[in-house]
Amino acid sequence: MKCVIAVDVGASNLRLATFSGRKMKNRISFKLQSSVNPIDYIEEYIKKFSKTCSPIGIASAGPIDIKKGSVKLINYNNLTINYVESLKGYGDVYITNDCIAGLLAEKRFGEAKKTKNAVYLTFSSGIGAGVMVDGHILIGKDGNAHEIGHLVLNYEDDTVCGCGKNGHWEAYCGGKSMPKFFYKVTGKKVISPEEIFKMYYEGQSEAVEFIEKCMKINAAGLASLIDAYDPEVIILSGSVYLNNEDVFMKKLQELTKNYVMNRMPELTTARLREDSVIFGAGILATLKGKLP
């Protein structure tokens, strides 16, 4: 079986691998800084394998312009990359949102295998989702039908999201935004969500109250997601979630019922965990960009 190249361009990390069926090889990963252009690393990797592996599947943080093959990377100082143009000469390139790729992988190999209505929801540097309704993955006119991190949860608040707009879910509880929101709520400076959760586990009252507040916000966002798409299962992933799985699962199960109208779906953790997106990029390449 001929191999394909898979690329996962996250908000903080870059992962690359080759796939032959379900077998992943040649995996490497980088922690990226906002000043770095990921395309430089991607092209260097593809040069090594493009003669034996093609096409290329790219799962990228967005927003996306799927017709042009370009993305705007908010966490990289709004850097715009046209993957198709940048990588022409290395074979066919197919792109999708990273959360759609995560959903593809969980549909093929994981927790969405037996359902036609599922959401893959990630809590990481940002908040994002891939959505499947009646067996069809939602795409939208530009490829952004899943940008649930930009649901407006407070239209009167001036808390600014990374996209530049106000009151978005991600502006409060996306990993990159949590330190700023923590300072706004408590007046104390922290540098990362890891620091906040460490204080939470130590029982520091301000951190406990803050995480409780964030979980209420997350539950309200989750309820909006459930009422909009009516999924059978919501598959949770992302670094902030995976590092604090027990807290998220307990609080979301407990609090979401206060906001949701539709019947609660099953909440579960991604079977492929942090590898869902890179697997999905490989599946995207195998499918030659044709999503179900």
Foldseek 3Di string as FASTA:
>chain_A
DFKAKFWEAELFKIWIWIDDPQDTDPIDMDGDALQDDCLVVVQVVLVVPLVRHDDFFYAHAADFQQVQQWGQRLSNVRDIDRPCVSPPPSYDYHYAHLQLLLVQLCCVPRDVVPDQWEKEWEQALFTWIWTGARNFTDQDPRGHPIRLQQDAPDPPDAQAASVGDPRGLRCPRRFNNPQVNLCVQPVDGDHTVVVLVVCVVVVPPSSVVSVLVNLLSVLQSVQVVCQVRVGQEYEYAYDSCVVVVVVNVVSNVVRNVVHHDHDDHHYYYTPCHPCSSRSSSRVCRVVVNDGD
